[in-house]
Amino acid sequence: MSCAPTLFIDRMMTDYADHENDPLAEWLVDMQAVYKAYKACVKYGVENGSPEKAKEAESFQEVLYPFGC
């Protein structure tokens, strides 16, 4: 099992910590949107990254998602 979402989620939470609409409160209740964004980013990396980055992104495709996204 990989824990790649940890850094991704930390970055999102940090970037939106002072956002005027406070999406963090909603995300903390239902993290499904964050996990869907993570999966979309990994998929984009696999399909559009350099050969080295695409291979790295592929290694994060099997991450377990607690919400079944």
N, C-alpha and C. Protein backbone atom coordinates (compact mmCIF):
# COMPACT_ATOMS: atom_id res chain seq x y z
N MET A 1 0.84 -1.18 0.00
CA MET A 1 0.00 0.00 0.00
C MET A 1 0.88 1.24 0.00
N SER A 2 0.51 2.21 -0.78
CA SER A 2 1.24 3.47 -0.84
C SER A 2 0.48 4.54 -0.08
N CYS A 3 1.19 5.52 0.40
CA CYS A 3 0.52 6.61 1.11
C CYS A 3 0.71 7.92 0.36
N ALA A 4 0.76 7.87 -0.96
CA ALA A 4 0.96 9.05 -1.78
C ALA A 4 -0.07 10.16 -1.55
N PRO A 5 -1.31 9.84 -1.23
CA PRO A 5 -2.28 10.94 -1.04
C PRO A 5 -1.90 11.88 0.10
N THR A 6 -1.09 11.42 1.03
CA THR A 6 -0.74 12.25 2.19
C THR A 6 -0.13 13.58 1.77
N LEU A 7 0.89 13.56 0.92
CA LEU A 7 1.53 14.79 0.49
C LEU A 7 0.60 15.64 -0.36
N PHE A 8 -0.18 14.99 -1.21
CA PHE A 8 -1.13 15.70 -2.06
C PHE A 8 -2.17 16.43 -1.20
N ILE A 9 -2.75 15.72 -0.25
CA ILE A 9 -3.78 16.32 0.60
C ILE A 9 -3.18 17.42 1.47
N ASP A 10 -1.97 17.20 1.99
CA ASP A 10 -1.31 18.23 2.78
C ASP A 10 -1.15 19.51 1.96
N ARG A 11 -0.74 19.37 0.70
CA ARG A 11 -0.56 20.54 -0.16
C ARG A 11 -1.88 21.25 -0.40
N MET A 12 -2.94 20.50 -0.68
CA MET A 12 -4.25 21.12 -0.91
C MET A 12 -4.72 21.85 0.34
N MET A 13 -4.57 21.20 1.49
CA MET A 13 -5.01 21.82 2.73
C MET A 13 -4.21 23.08 3.02
N THR A 14 -2.91 23.05 2.76
CA THR A 14 -2.06 24.22 2.99
C THR A 14 -2.45 25.35 2.04
N ASP A 15 -2.64 25.01 0.77
CA ASP A 15 -2.98 26.03 -0.23
C ASP A 15 -4.32 26.71 0.04
N TYR A 16 -5.26 25.97 0.61
CA TYR A 16 -6.60 26.52 0.83
C TYR A 16 -6.87 26.91 2.28
N ALA A 17 -5.86 26.90 3.12
CA ALA A 17 -6.05 27.20 4.54
C ALA A 17 -6.65 28.58 4.78
N ASP A 18 -6.27 29.55 3.98
CA ASP A 18 -6.76 30.92 4.16
C ASP A 18 -7.70 31.36 3.06
N HIS A 19 -8.27 30.40 2.34
CA HIS A 19 -9.17 30.72 1.23
C HIS A 19 -10.46 31.33 1.78
N GLU A 20 -10.97 32.35 1.11
CA GLU A 20 -12.14 33.07 1.62
C GLU A 20 -13.40 32.21 1.73
N ASN A 21 -13.55 31.18 0.89
CA ASN A 21 -14.75 30.35 0.92
C ASN A 21 -14.62 29.15 1.87
N ASP A 22 -13.46 28.94 2.47
CA ASP A 22 -13.19 27.86 3.42
C ASP A 22 -13.66 26.48 2.93
N PRO A 23 -13.09 25.99 1.83
CA PRO A 23 -13.46 24.64 1.38
C PRO A 23 -12.97 23.56 2.33
N LEU A 24 -12.02 23.89 3.19
CA LEU A 24 -11.47 22.88 4.11
C LEU A 24 -12.54 22.29 5.02
N ALA A 25 -13.44 23.10 5.50
CA ALA A 25 -14.48 22.59 6.40
C ALA A 25 -15.30 21.52 5.69
N GLU A 26 -15.67 21.78 4.43
CA GLU A 26 -16.45 20.80 3.68
C GLU A 26 -15.62 19.55 3.39
N TRP A 27 -14.33 19.74 3.04
CA TRP A 27 -13.48 18.60 2.71
C TRP A 27 -13.23 17.72 3.92
N LEU A 28 -13.16 18.30 5.10
CA LEU A 28 -12.92 17.50 6.29
C LEU A 28 -14.12 16.63 6.63
N VAL A 29 -15.30 17.05 6.20
CA VAL A 29 -16.51 16.26 6.42
C VAL A 29 -16.60 15.14 5.38
N ASP A 30 -16.27 15.46 4.12
CA ASP A 30 -16.36 14.49 3.04
C ASP A 30 -15.14 14.66 2.13
N MET A 31 -14.14 13.80 2.28
CA MET A 31 -12.89 13.91 1.54
C MET A 31 -12.99 13.35 0.12
N GLN A 32 -14.15 12.92 -0.30
CA GLN A 32 -14.30 12.30 -1.61
C GLN A 32 -13.81 13.22 -2.73
N ALA A 33 -14.10 14.50 -2.67
CA ALA A 33 -13.67 15.43 -3.73
C ALA A 33 -12.15 15.50 -3.80
N VAL A 34 -11.49 15.46 -2.65
CA VAL A 34 -10.03 15.52 -2.62
C VAL A 34 -9.44 14.26 -3.24
N TYR A 35 -9.99 13.10 -2.90
CA TYR A 35 -9.49 11.85 -3.48
C TYR A 35 -9.74 11.78 -4.98
N LYS A 36 -10.87 12.30 -5.44
CA LYS A 36 -11.14 12.33 -6.88
C LYS A 36 -10.13 13.23 -7.59
N ALA A 37 -9.81 14.36 -6.99
CA ALA A 37 -8.81 15.26 -7.58
C ALA A 37 -7.45 14.57 -7.63
N TYR A 38 -7.11 13.84 -6.58
CA TYR A 38 -5.84 13.10 -6.54
C TYR A 38 -5.78 12.08 -7.68
N LYS A 39 -6.86 11.31 -7.83
CA LYS A 39 -6.89 10.29 -8.88
C LYS A 39 -6.77 10.93 -10.26
N ALA A 40 -7.43 12.08 -10.47
CA ALA A 40 -7.35 12.76 -11.75
C ALA A 40 -5.93 13.24 -12.03
N CYS A 41 -5.24 13.73 -11.01
CA CYS A 41 -3.86 14.19 -11.19
C CYS A 41 -2.93 13.02 -11.51
N VAL A 42 -3.12 11.89 -10.83
CA VAL A 42 -2.30 10.71 -11.11
C VAL A 42 -2.55 10.23 -12.55
N LYS A 43 -3.81 10.18 -12.94
CA LYS A 43 -4.15 9.75 -14.30
C LYS A 43 -3.51 10.68 -15.33
N TYR A 44 -3.58 11.98 -15.09
CA TYR A 44 -2.97 12.93 -16.01
C TYR A 44 -1.46 12.69 -16.10
N GLY A 45 -0.82 12.45 -14.97
CA GLY A 45 0.62 12.19 -14.96
C GLY A 45 0.98 10.95 -15.76
N VAL A 46 0.19 9.91 -15.62
CA VAL A 46 0.43 8.66 -16.35
C VAL A 46 0.29 8.89 -17.86
N GLU A 47 -0.73 9.63 -18.25
CA GLU A 47 -1.02 9.81 -19.67
C GLU A 47 -0.18 10.90 -20.34
N ASN A 48 0.29 11.88 -19.58
CA ASN A 48 0.93 13.04 -20.20
C ASN A 48 2.32 13.35 -19.66
N GLY A 49 2.77 12.63 -18.68
CA GLY A 49 4.08 12.91 -18.11
C GLY A 49 5.22 12.38 -18.97
N SER A 50 6.41 12.86 -18.68
CA SER A 50 7.58 12.32 -19.34
C SER A 50 7.65 10.83 -18.99
N PRO A 51 8.41 10.03 -19.72
CA PRO A 51 8.48 8.60 -19.40
C PRO A 51 8.83 8.35 -17.93
N GLU A 52 9.74 9.13 -17.40
CA GLU A 52 10.14 8.95 -15.99
C GLU A 52 9.01 9.31 -15.04
N LYS A 53 8.35 10.45 -15.28
CA LYS A 53 7.26 10.88 -14.41
C LYS A 53 6.03 9.99 -14.58
N ALA A 54 5.78 9.53 -15.78
CA ALA A 54 4.64 8.64 -16.01
C ALA A 54 4.82 7.34 -15.23
N LYS A 55 6.03 6.82 -15.23
CA LYS A 55 6.30 5.59 -14.47
C LYS A 55 6.11 5.83 -12.98
N GLU A 56 6.55 6.98 -12.50
CA GLU A 56 6.37 7.31 -11.08
C GLU A 56 4.89 7.42 -10.75
N ALA A 57 4.13 8.09 -11.61
CA ALA A 57 2.69 8.25 -11.37
C ALA A 57 1.98 6.90 -11.37
N GLU A 58 2.41 5.99 -12.26
CA GLU A 58 1.81 4.66 -12.31
C GLU A 58 1.92 3.94 -10.97
N SER A 59 3.01 4.18 -10.26
CA SER A 59 3.20 3.50 -8.98
C SER A 59 2.20 3.95 -7.92
N PHE A 60 1.53 5.09 -8.16
CA PHE A 60 0.55 5.59 -7.20
C PHE A 60 -0.88 5.30 -7.60
N GLN A 61 -1.09 4.54 -8.67
CA GLN A 61 -2.45 4.24 -9.11
C GLN A 61 -3.14 3.22 -8.22
N GLU A 62 -2.41 2.44 -7.50
CA GLU A 62 -3.01 1.37 -6.68
C GLU A 62 -3.24 1.79 -5.23
N VAL A 63 -3.20 3.08 -4.98
CA VAL A 63 -3.44 3.58 -3.62
C VAL A 63 -4.85 3.24 -3.22
N LEU A 64 -5.05 2.83 -2.00
CA LEU A 64 -6.38 2.48 -1.51
C LEU A 64 -7.14 3.75 -1.14
N TYR A 65 -8.37 3.87 -1.62
CA TYR A 65 -9.18 5.03 -1.37
C TYR A 65 -10.30 4.64 -0.39
N PRO A 66 -10.37 5.29 0.74
CA PRO A 66 -11.36 4.92 1.75
C PRO A 66 -12.80 5.20 1.34
N PHE A 67 -13.01 6.03 0.33
CA PHE A 67 -14.36 6.37 -0.05
C PHE A 67 -14.81 5.69 -1.33
N GLY A 68 -14.00 4.80 -1.87
CA GLY A 68 -14.36 4.08 -3.07
C GLY A 68 -14.51 4.96 -4.29
N CYS A 69 -13.77 6.05 -4.36
CA CYS A 69 -13.86 6.96 -5.49
C CYS A 69 -13.34 6.30 -6.75
